[in-house]
Amino acid sequence: MTSPVLQTVALACERDLRLLFENLELRLASGDMVQISGPNGSGKTSLLRLLAGLMQPTDGQVLLNGQPLTEQRSELARNLLWIGHAAGIKDLLTPEENLSWLCALHHPAEREAIWQALAAVGLRGFEDVPCHSLSAGQQRRVALARLYLDSPPLWILDEPFTALDKQGVAQLEEHLAGHCERGGLVVLTTHHTLSRMPAGYRDIDLGKWAV
C-alpha cells in the first residue's frame, strides 16, 4: 500500500460548541483526488482547514508524511497550495502583482511564468488591470492561476469551481486530474458534479462521522 501523504488519526472537530465529527480516519496518498462531501454544516470546510494546518483539531491529529502536522509547519508551507472559498487576492493589486506576492515566500515565480499562468486561465490581456475592476469569475481565476505555476504537490481547494463558466470548469477539471495523474494529491470540496476524475478519485462523505 502506498504510504499516505496526509493522514488523520481519531480526528475530531468542534465549532461553536457543536461537535461536527469525531474519530475521523483518512489516508490520502499521491495520485489521489479526494472529494469531501456531506450535508451543509457537516464540517467540510473545517476539515480542509485542519488538513491545511489553519485550525487545530478538538481531538486527534493530522500527519504529514507520517509526522505530526504541528511539528512540520515549514515543510507544509513548501508542499501545500491552499485556495479557500474566497479568492484571497488583494483588490488594489493587479493579477500579476497578486501572483508575485502570493508566490514570493516559498515558490517565487518569474514574470513570464506568471503571464503564462494567467493566459492558461483565460486572463491574457488582464495582467496589469487592478483586480477590483475584474468580475468575480475573473478574480477567482487569478487565484486559480497559482495552480498553473511551479506549485507544490498537495492542493487543498475549497469550492474551486465557484464563479467559473462552463469552459473554465472543464479546463480546471482537466488540470486537477492531470495533477493527480502526475503524482500530485488534490483534496477538495465542491457542489459541482465532476465529469473528469483520475483513477485515484474517491468521495468521502463526512456525514458518516457526524455526531
Protein backbone atom coordinates (compact mmCIF):
# COMPACT_ATOMS: atom_id res chain seq x y z
CA MET A 1 0.00 0.00 0.00
CA THR A 2 1.26 3.48 -0.89
CA SER A 3 2.36 5.48 2.13
CA PRO A 4 -0.05 8.34 2.85
CA VAL A 5 0.98 11.93 2.32
CA LEU A 6 -1.75 13.10 4.69
CA GLN A 7 -3.35 11.02 7.40
CA THR A 8 -5.87 11.76 10.12
CA VAL A 9 -5.92 9.83 13.37
CA ALA A 10 -9.10 9.85 15.50
CA LEU A 11 -9.70 13.41 14.31
CA ALA A 12 -12.49 15.43 15.92
CA CYS A 13 -13.66 18.97 15.24
CA GLU A 14 -15.91 21.25 17.28
CA ARG A 15 -17.26 24.60 16.09
CA ASP A 16 -19.47 26.96 18.09
CA LEU A 17 -19.79 24.40 20.90
CA ARG A 18 -21.05 21.74 18.47
CA LEU A 19 -19.09 18.60 17.67
CA LEU A 20 -19.12 18.27 13.87
CA PHE A 21 -17.34 14.93 13.54
CA GLU A 22 -15.14 12.60 15.55
CA ASN A 23 -12.88 9.55 15.13
CA LEU A 24 -12.18 10.52 11.51
CA GLU A 25 -9.57 8.23 9.94
CA LEU A 26 -8.26 9.17 6.49
CA ARG A 27 -5.25 8.07 4.42
CA LEU A 28 -4.55 10.32 1.44
CA ALA A 29 -1.76 9.31 -0.94
CA SER A 30 -0.01 10.68 -4.02
CA GLY A 31 -2.23 10.33 -7.07
CA ASP A 32 -5.46 10.68 -5.09
CA MET A 33 -8.23 13.14 -5.81
CA VAL A 34 -10.38 13.21 -2.71
CA GLN A 35 -13.72 14.99 -2.73
CA ILE A 36 -15.07 15.80 0.72
CA SER A 37 -18.86 15.74 0.62
CA GLY A 38 -21.67 15.86 3.15
CA PRO A 39 -24.65 17.99 4.15
CA ASN A 40 -24.31 21.67 4.98
CA GLY A 41 -22.84 22.12 8.42
CA SER A 42 -21.10 18.73 8.45
CA GLY A 43 -17.66 20.36 8.66
CA LYS A 44 -16.32 20.10 5.10
CA THR A 45 -14.51 23.44 5.12
CA SER A 46 -13.37 22.87 8.69
CA LEU A 47 -11.79 19.57 7.66
CA LEU A 48 -9.95 21.23 4.79
CA ARG A 49 -8.64 23.89 7.16
CA LEU A 50 -7.49 21.19 9.58
CA LEU A 51 -5.65 19.38 6.78
CA ALA A 52 -4.06 22.67 5.72
CA GLY A 53 -2.89 23.43 9.26
CA LEU A 54 -5.12 26.50 9.54
CA MET A 55 -7.08 25.14 12.51
CA GLN A 56 -6.32 22.92 15.47
CA PRO A 57 -8.43 19.79 15.99
CA THR A 58 -10.56 19.29 19.06
CA ASP A 59 -9.04 15.82 19.36
CA GLY A 60 -6.78 13.55 17.34
CA GLN A 61 -4.12 14.69 14.91
CA VAL A 62 -3.16 15.21 11.28
CA LEU A 63 0.04 13.59 9.99
CA LEU A 64 2.12 14.81 7.06
CA ASN A 65 4.34 12.05 5.67
CA GLY A 66 3.90 10.16 8.93
CA GLN A 67 4.81 13.02 11.28
CA PRO A 68 2.51 15.36 13.24
CA LEU A 69 1.50 18.37 11.19
CA THR A 70 2.10 20.67 14.14
CA GLU A 71 5.82 19.82 14.01
CA GLN A 72 6.19 20.46 10.27
CA ARG A 73 4.98 23.97 9.59
CA SER A 74 7.81 24.87 7.22
CA GLU A 75 7.54 21.53 5.40
CA LEU A 76 3.80 22.01 5.00
CA ALA A 77 4.26 25.52 3.62
CA ARG A 78 6.63 24.20 0.96
CA ASN A 79 4.36 21.32 -0.04
CA LEU A 80 0.86 22.85 0.21
CA LEU A 81 -1.18 25.09 -2.05
CA TRP A 82 -4.37 26.22 -0.28
CA ILE A 83 -7.16 28.08 -2.08
CA GLY A 84 -10.16 28.87 0.07
CA HIS A 85 -13.75 29.65 -0.86
CA ALA A 86 -12.88 33.35 -1.18
CA ALA A 87 -10.48 34.37 -3.94
CA GLY A 88 -7.95 35.59 -1.37
CA ILE A 89 -6.47 38.29 -3.58
CA LYS A 90 -5.82 41.98 -2.97
CA ASP A 91 -8.24 44.24 -4.88
CA LEU A 92 -5.77 47.09 -5.37
CA LEU A 93 -3.10 44.85 -6.92
CA THR A 94 -3.08 43.60 -10.50
CA PRO A 95 -3.28 39.87 -11.30
CA GLU A 96 0.47 39.83 -11.95
CA GLU A 97 1.21 41.60 -8.65
CA ASN A 98 -1.12 39.29 -6.73
CA LEU A 99 0.53 36.14 -8.07
CA SER A 100 4.00 37.52 -7.49
CA TRP A 101 3.03 38.36 -3.90
CA LEU A 102 1.31 35.01 -3.25
CA CYS A 103 4.24 33.01 -4.60
CA ALA A 104 7.06 35.10 -3.16
CA LEU A 105 7.63 33.29 0.13
CA HIS A 106 8.04 29.65 -0.90
CA HIS A 107 7.70 29.38 -4.69
CA PRO A 108 8.89 32.62 -6.35
CA ALA A 109 7.78 32.90 -9.97
CA GLU A 110 9.27 34.79 -12.90
CA ARG A 111 7.15 37.35 -14.71
CA GLU A 112 6.97 35.21 -17.86
CA ALA A 113 5.70 32.22 -15.86
CA ILE A 114 3.06 34.39 -14.19
CA TRP A 115 1.83 35.71 -17.53
CA GLN A 116 1.68 32.15 -18.90
CA ALA A 117 -0.35 31.05 -15.87
CA LEU A 118 -2.78 33.93 -16.33
CA ALA A 119 -3.11 33.07 -20.02
CA ALA A 120 -3.86 29.47 -19.05
CA VAL A 121 -6.91 30.62 -17.07
CA GLY A 122 -8.13 32.97 -19.79
CA LEU A 123 -6.74 36.23 -18.43
CA ARG A 124 -4.37 37.19 -21.23
CA GLY A 125 -4.52 40.97 -21.54
CA PHE A 126 -5.63 41.45 -17.92
CA GLU A 127 -2.18 41.09 -16.33
CA ASP A 128 -1.95 44.79 -15.39
CA VAL A 129 -5.60 45.52 -14.63
CA PRO A 130 -6.38 46.23 -10.93
CA CYS A 131 -8.32 43.29 -9.54
CA HIS A 132 -11.14 45.48 -8.24
CA SER A 133 -12.02 46.08 -11.91
CA LEU A 134 -12.40 42.35 -12.61
CA SER A 135 -15.58 40.28 -12.33
CA ALA A 136 -15.99 37.71 -9.56
CA GLY A 137 -15.21 34.93 -12.03
CA GLN A 138 -12.06 36.69 -13.23
CA GLN A 139 -10.90 37.26 -9.65
CA ARG A 140 -11.44 33.58 -8.96
CA ARG A 141 -9.31 32.73 -11.98
CA VAL A 142 -6.50 34.94 -10.67
CA ALA A 143 -6.39 32.76 -7.56
CA LEU A 144 -6.62 29.54 -9.60
CA ALA A 145 -3.72 30.66 -11.81
CA ARG A 146 -1.45 29.59 -8.94
CA LEU A 147 -2.25 26.00 -9.94
CA TYR A 148 -0.53 26.62 -13.28
CA LEU A 149 2.75 27.80 -11.77
CA ASP A 150 5.55 25.61 -10.40
CA SER A 151 3.38 24.65 -7.47
CA PRO A 152 3.59 22.21 -4.53
CA PRO A 153 2.35 18.61 -4.81
CA LEU A 154 -0.51 18.95 -2.28
CA TRP A 155 -3.52 21.04 -3.32
CA ILE A 156 -6.35 21.72 -0.85
CA LEU A 157 -9.19 23.56 -2.55
CA ASP A 158 -12.49 24.79 -1.09
CA GLU A 159 -15.15 25.10 -3.82
CA PRO A 160 -12.64 25.81 -6.62
CA PHE A 161 -15.32 25.88 -9.36
CA THR A 162 -17.23 28.80 -7.83
CA ALA A 163 -17.94 31.64 -10.32
CA LEU A 164 -16.36 29.79 -13.27
CA ASP A 165 -18.13 29.44 -16.61
CA LYS A 166 -18.61 26.09 -18.36
CA GLN A 167 -15.31 26.32 -20.23
CA GLY A 168 -13.43 27.30 -17.09
CA VAL A 169 -14.93 24.38 -15.18
CA ALA A 170 -13.94 21.87 -17.86
CA GLN A 171 -10.40 23.27 -18.04
CA LEU A 172 -9.96 23.16 -14.27
CA GLU A 173 -11.30 19.60 -14.06
CA GLU A 174 -8.73 18.50 -16.65
CA HIS A 175 -5.91 20.31 -14.83
CA LEU A 176 -6.78 18.82 -11.44
CA ALA A 177 -6.99 15.31 -12.87
CA GLY A 178 -3.68 15.81 -14.67
CA HIS A 179 -2.01 16.92 -11.44
CA CYS A 180 -3.12 13.70 -9.74
CA GLU A 181 -2.01 11.57 -12.69
CA ARG A 182 1.45 13.15 -12.38
CA GLY A 183 1.63 12.09 -8.73
CA GLY A 184 0.07 15.07 -7.00
CA LEU A 185 -2.66 14.99 -4.36
CA VAL A 186 -5.87 17.04 -4.53
CA VAL A 187 -8.36 17.38 -1.68
CA LEU A 188 -11.41 19.48 -2.49
CA THR A 189 -14.99 20.35 -1.72
CA THR A 190 -17.43 21.18 -4.49
CA HIS A 191 -21.14 21.24 -5.24
CA HIS A 192 -20.23 20.65 -8.88
CA THR A 193 -20.61 17.14 -10.31
CA LEU A 194 -17.20 16.17 -11.65
CA SER A 195 -17.04 14.69 -15.13
CA ARG A 196 -13.25 14.20 -15.30
CA MET A 197 -11.90 12.03 -12.49
CA PRO A 198 -8.49 10.34 -12.28
CA ALA A 199 -8.06 6.70 -11.30
CA GLY A 200 -7.33 7.78 -7.73
CA TYR A 201 -10.63 9.62 -7.29
CA ARG A 202 -12.81 8.92 -4.27
CA ASP A 203 -15.61 10.64 -2.46
CA ILE A 204 -15.60 10.82 1.32
CA ASP A 205 -18.98 11.56 2.90
CA LEU A 206 -18.24 13.47 6.08
CA GLY A 207 -21.78 12.83 7.25
CA LYS A 208 -20.71 9.29 8.18
CA TRP A 209 -18.62 10.74 11.01
CA ALA A 210 -21.26 13.21 12.16
CA VAL A 211 -22.13 13.24 15.83
